[in-house]
Amino acid sequence: MTETPRTQLSLAAVEAIARAAHEGQTDKAGRPYTEHLRAVADGVRTRGGDPEQIAAAWLHDAVEDDALDERWLAEAPLSPRTKAIVLALTKRDGESPESYAQRILATDGALLVKQSDLAHNADPTRLALLDEATRKRLTEKYAKMRALLGLAGE
């Protein structure tokens, strides 16, 4: 008996799942977290990303934030590439920034999603909403990651 391939989730379905999974979460400035997901997905689209990358953008923080677990991701009707991008962007406890960056660089399609994530995270308008110490810490963190990923000129 052959297994029939499952239909993959549409981008609208992925967006709905991500929005539901992050329901009630806020970013460091107290804004709804789904605004960040929307901005990252839009950034991937604007940068020429494909549907697999856009789906990963919607889900890029879901496993890391415990909004969805790795089992859900493994079983979800998503492409292997989308799943790989999400896992590449999921930081692990105790992982060095260098190791994290290497995994992103080694995963097809992940760099564009991370580039969009960093662009939104480092948006001066968004950072201006934070206290000075947090703003300084995050600005340095994002600059270091951009450098590790070869995106330092952005």
C-alpha atoms as a PDB file:
ATOM      1  CA  MET A   1       0.000   0.000   0.000  1.00  0.00           C
ATOM      2  CA  THR A   2       1.506   3.346  -0.997  1.00  0.00           C
ATOM      3  CA  GLU A   3       1.110   6.390   1.137  1.00  0.00           C
ATOM      4  CA  THR A   4      -0.529   9.336  -0.576  1.00  0.00           C
ATOM      5  CA  PRO A   5       1.250  12.636  -0.008  1.00  0.00           C
ATOM      6  CA  ARG A   6      -0.576  15.031   2.251  1.00  0.00           C
ATOM      7  CA  THR A   7      -1.506  18.423   0.934  1.00  0.00           C
ATOM      8  CA  GLN A   8       0.739  21.083   2.387  1.00  0.00           C
ATOM      9  CA  LEU A   9      -0.697  23.920   4.416  1.00  0.00           C
ATOM     10  CA  SER A  10      -1.437  27.099   2.512  1.00  0.00           C
ATOM     11  CA  LEU A  11       0.285  30.316   3.565  1.00  0.00           C
ATOM     12  CA  ALA A  12      -3.048  31.555   4.905  1.00  0.00           C
ATOM     13  CA  ALA A  13      -3.335  28.418   7.054  1.00  0.00           C
ATOM     14  CA  VAL A  14       0.256  28.785   8.288  1.00  0.00           C
ATOM     15  CA  GLU A  15      -0.435  32.421   9.189  1.00  0.00           C
ATOM     16  CA  ALA A  16      -3.597  31.432  11.087  1.00  0.00           C
ATOM     17  CA  ILE A  17      -1.728  28.702  12.988  1.00  0.00           C
ATOM     18  CA  ALA A  18       1.116  31.087  13.878  1.00  0.00           C
ATOM     19  CA  ARG A  19      -1.306  33.787  15.008  1.00  0.00           C
ATOM     20  CA  ALA A  20      -3.212  31.313  17.195  1.00  0.00           C
ATOM     21  CA  ALA A  21      -0.001  29.823  18.620  1.00  0.00           C
ATOM     22  CA  HIS A  22       1.342  33.259  19.626  1.00  0.00           C
ATOM     23  CA  GLU A  23      -2.048  34.579  20.812  1.00  0.00           C
ATOM     24  CA  GLY A  24      -1.618  36.878  23.798  1.00  0.00           C
ATOM     25  CA  GLN A  25       2.186  37.082  23.488  1.00  0.00           C
ATOM     26  CA  THR A  26       3.840  40.487  23.294  1.00  0.00           C
ATOM     27  CA  ASP A  27       7.267  41.685  22.237  1.00  0.00           C
ATOM     28  CA  LYS A  28       9.720  43.536  24.478  1.00  0.00           C
ATOM     29  CA  ALA A  29       7.877  46.809  23.831  1.00  0.00           C
ATOM     30  CA  GLY A  30       4.517  45.289  24.754  1.00  0.00           C
ATOM     31  CA  ARG A  31       3.223  45.116  21.174  1.00  0.00           C
ATOM     32  CA  PRO A  32       1.323  42.014  19.982  1.00  0.00           C
ATOM     33  CA  TYR A  33       3.935  39.454  18.922  1.00  0.00           C
ATOM     34  CA  THR A  34       2.014  38.675  15.758  1.00  0.00           C
ATOM     35  CA  GLU A  35       3.016  42.131  14.448  1.00  0.00           C
ATOM     36  CA  HIS A  36       6.615  40.880  14.418  1.00  0.00           C
ATOM     37  CA  LEU A  37       5.645  37.689  12.598  1.00  0.00           C
ATOM     38  CA  ARG A  38       3.750  39.698   9.978  1.00  0.00           C
ATOM     39  CA  ALA A  39       6.729  42.051   9.504  1.00  0.00           C
ATOM     40  CA  VAL A  40       9.178  39.154   9.083  1.00  0.00           C
ATOM     41  CA  ALA A  41       6.895  37.384   6.588  1.00  0.00           C
ATOM     42  CA  ASP A  42       6.403  40.643   4.661  1.00  0.00           C
ATOM     43  CA  GLY A  43      10.158  41.244   4.713  1.00  0.00           C
ATOM     44  CA  VAL A  44      10.836  37.780   3.297  1.00  0.00           C
ATOM     45  CA  ARG A  45       8.265  38.382   0.557  1.00  0.00           C
ATOM     46  CA  THR A  46       9.768  41.810  -0.270  1.00  0.00           C
ATOM     47  CA  ARG A  47      13.267  40.313  -0.425  1.00  0.00           C
ATOM     48  CA  GLY A  48      12.091  37.773  -3.017  1.00  0.00           C
ATOM     49  CA  GLY A  49      11.520  34.828  -0.711  1.00  0.00           C
ATOM     50  CA  ASP A  50       9.480  31.871  -1.876  1.00  0.00           C
ATOM     51  CA  PRO A  51       6.370  30.400  -0.208  1.00  0.00           C
ATOM     52  CA  GLU A  52       8.450  27.920   1.823  1.00  0.00           C
ATOM     53  CA  GLN A  53      10.497  30.779   3.279  1.00  0.00           C
ATOM     54  CA  ILE A  54       7.389  32.887   3.923  1.00  0.00           C
ATOM     55  CA  ALA A  55       5.805  29.952   5.792  1.00  0.00           C
ATOM     56  CA  ALA A  56       9.004  29.589   7.826  1.00  0.00           C
ATOM     57  CA  ALA A  57       8.915  33.318   8.593  1.00  0.00           C
ATOM     58  CA  TRP A  58       5.454  32.955  10.135  1.00  0.00           C
ATOM     59  CA  LEU A  59       6.717  30.019  12.234  1.00  0.00           C
ATOM     60  CA  HIS A  60      10.312  31.130  12.879  1.00  0.00           C
ATOM     61  CA  ASP A  61       9.863  31.662  16.637  1.00  0.00           C
ATOM     62  CA  ALA A  62       7.107  29.122  17.315  1.00  0.00           C
ATOM     63  CA  VAL A  63       9.297  26.271  18.578  1.00  0.00           C
ATOM     64  CA  GLU A  64      11.792  28.537  20.364  1.00  0.00           C
ATOM     65  CA  ASP A  65       8.957  30.340  22.183  1.00  0.00           C
ATOM     66  CA  ASP A  66       7.181  27.055  23.007  1.00  0.00           C
ATOM     67  CA  ALA A  67       4.150  28.259  21.043  1.00  0.00           C
ATOM     68  CA  LEU A  68       4.351  24.992  19.058  1.00  0.00           C
ATOM     69  CA  ASP A  69       6.550  22.006  19.823  1.00  0.00           C
ATOM     70  CA  GLU A  70       9.009  20.123  17.645  1.00  0.00           C
ATOM     71  CA  ARG A  71       6.611  17.189  17.382  1.00  0.00           C
ATOM     72  CA  TRP A  72       3.937  19.454  15.895  1.00  0.00           C
ATOM     73  CA  LEU A  73       6.502  20.762  13.407  1.00  0.00           C
ATOM     74  CA  ALA A  74       7.676  17.267  12.488  1.00  0.00           C
ATOM     75  CA  GLU A  75       4.117  16.110  11.813  1.00  0.00           C
ATOM     76  CA  ALA A  76       2.805  19.293  10.175  1.00  0.00           C
ATOM     77  CA  PRO A  77       1.976  19.191   6.470  1.00  0.00           C
ATOM     78  CA  LEU A  78       4.836  21.528   5.561  1.00  0.00           C
ATOM     79  CA  SER A  79       7.714  21.042   3.169  1.00  0.00           C
ATOM     80  CA  PRO A  80      10.919  19.545   4.549  1.00  0.00           C
ATOM     81  CA  ARG A  81      12.663  22.805   3.591  1.00  0.00           C
ATOM     82  CA  THR A  82      10.214  24.950   5.615  1.00  0.00           C
ATOM     83  CA  LYS A  83      10.678  22.662   8.610  1.00  0.00           C
ATOM     84  CA  ALA A  84      14.479  22.810   8.240  1.00  0.00           C
ATOM     85  CA  ILE A  85      14.409  26.618   8.144  1.00  0.00           C
ATOM     86  CA  VAL A  86      12.251  26.807  11.283  1.00  0.00           C
ATOM     87  CA  LEU A  87      14.589  24.426  13.119  1.00  0.00           C
ATOM     88  CA  ALA A  88      17.669  26.320  11.893  1.00  0.00           C
ATOM     89  CA  LEU A  89      16.228  29.551  13.326  1.00  0.00           C
ATOM     90  CA  THR A  90      15.336  27.930  16.659  1.00  0.00           C
ATOM     91  CA  LYS A  91      17.985  28.896  19.200  1.00  0.00           C
ATOM     92  CA  ARG A  92      19.019  26.139  21.584  1.00  0.00           C
ATOM     93  CA  ASP A  93      19.751  26.543  25.290  1.00  0.00           C
ATOM     94  CA  GLY A  94      23.401  27.378  25.836  1.00  0.00           C
ATOM     95  CA  GLU A  95      24.140  27.658  22.119  1.00  0.00           C
ATOM     96  CA  SER A  96      26.782  30.160  21.076  1.00  0.00           C
ATOM     97  CA  PRO A  97      25.890  32.867  18.540  1.00  0.00           C
ATOM     98  CA  GLU A  98      28.609  31.432  16.285  1.00  0.00           C
ATOM     99  CA  SER A  99      27.053  27.961  16.282  1.00  0.00           C
ATOM    100  CA  TYR A 100      23.600  29.414  15.692  1.00  0.00           C
ATOM    101  CA  ALA A 101      24.883  31.482  12.753  1.00  0.00           C
ATOM    102  CA  GLN A 102      26.646  28.484  11.203  1.00  0.00           C
ATOM    103  CA  ARG A 103      23.428  26.431  11.304  1.00  0.00           C
ATOM    104  CA  ILE A 104      21.531  29.252   9.599  1.00  0.00           C
ATOM    105  CA  LEU A 105      24.201  29.591   6.909  1.00  0.00           C
ATOM    106  CA  ALA A 106      24.184  25.828   6.333  1.00  0.00           C
ATOM    107  CA  THR A 107      20.397  25.618   5.843  1.00  0.00           C
ATOM    108  CA  ASP A 108      18.959  26.404   2.419  1.00  0.00           C
ATOM    109  CA  GLY A 109      16.680  29.425   2.627  1.00  0.00           C
ATOM    110  CA  ALA A 110      17.266  30.249   6.292  1.00  0.00           C
ATOM    111  CA  LEU A 111      19.522  33.274   5.802  1.00  0.00           C
ATOM    112  CA  LEU A 112      16.836  35.308   4.033  1.00  0.00           C
ATOM    113  CA  VAL A 113      14.348  34.632   6.848  1.00  0.00           C
ATOM    114  CA  LYS A 114      16.906  35.568   9.512  1.00  0.00           C
ATOM    115  CA  GLN A 115      17.841  38.691   7.534  1.00  0.00           C
ATOM    116  CA  SER A 116      14.195  39.784   7.622  1.00  0.00           C
ATOM    117  CA  ASP A 117      13.924  38.906  11.326  1.00  0.00           C
ATOM    118  CA  LEU A 118      17.013  40.963  12.166  1.00  0.00           C
ATOM    119  CA  ALA A 119      15.826  43.880  10.042  1.00  0.00           C
ATOM    120  CA  HIS A 120      12.576  44.077  11.979  1.00  0.00           C
ATOM    121  CA  ASN A 121      14.205  43.480  15.357  1.00  0.00           C
ATOM    122  CA  ALA A 122      16.746  46.249  14.696  1.00  0.00           C
ATOM    123  CA  ASP A 123      14.219  48.724  13.294  1.00  0.00           C
ATOM    124  CA  PRO A 124      15.076  52.043  15.026  1.00  0.00           C
ATOM    125  CA  THR A 125      11.371  52.876  15.426  1.00  0.00           C
ATOM    126  CA  ARG A 126      10.822  49.597  17.240  1.00  0.00           C
ATOM    127  CA  LEU A 127      13.981  49.918  19.342  1.00  0.00           C
ATOM    128  CA  ALA A 128      13.019  53.484  20.351  1.00  0.00           C
ATOM    129  CA  LEU A 129      10.154  52.027  22.395  1.00  0.00           C
ATOM    130  CA  LEU A 130      12.603  50.244  24.715  1.00  0.00           C
ATOM    131  CA  ASP A 131      14.567  51.558  27.678  1.00  0.00           C
ATOM    132  CA  GLU A 132      18.106  52.665  26.852  1.00  0.00           C
ATOM    133  CA  ALA A 133      19.897  49.692  28.442  1.00  0.00           C
ATOM    134  CA  THR A 134      17.731  47.154  26.584  1.00  0.00           C
ATOM    135  CA  ARG A 135      18.019  49.137  23.333  1.00  0.00           C
ATOM    136  CA  LYS A 136      21.836  49.201  23.615  1.00  0.00           C
ATOM    137  CA  ARG A 137      22.081  45.489  24.474  1.00  0.00           C
ATOM    138  CA  LEU A 138      19.828  44.441  21.608  1.00  0.00           C
ATOM    139  CA  THR A 139      21.480  46.771  19.084  1.00  0.00           C
ATOM    140  CA  GLU A 140      24.855  45.173  19.883  1.00  0.00           C
ATOM    141  CA  LYS A 141      23.391  41.657  19.780  1.00  0.00           C
ATOM    142  CA  TYR A 142      21.777  42.219  16.371  1.00  0.00           C
ATOM    143  CA  ALA A 143      24.926  43.842  14.948  1.00  0.00           C
ATOM    144  CA  LYS A 144      27.013  40.860  16.078  1.00  0.00           C
ATOM    145  CA  MET A 145      24.598  38.398  14.474  1.00  0.00           C
ATOM    146  CA  ARG A 146      24.527  40.391  11.220  1.00  0.00           C
ATOM    147  CA  ALA A 147      28.331  40.268  11.182  1.00  0.00           C
ATOM    148  CA  LEU A 148      28.400  36.512  11.839  1.00  0.00           C
ATOM    149  CA  LEU A 149      25.958  35.996   8.958  1.00  0.00           C
ATOM    150  CA  GLY A 150      27.833  38.262   6.554  1.00  0.00           C
ATOM    151  CA  LEU A 151      25.072  40.879   6.657  1.00  0.00           C
ATOM    152  CA  ALA A 152      27.151  43.551   8.427  1.00  0.00           C
ATOM    153  CA  GLY A 153      26.650  46.168   5.705  1.00  0.00           C
ATOM    154  CA  GLU A 154      22.887  46.330   6.253  1.00  0.00           C
END
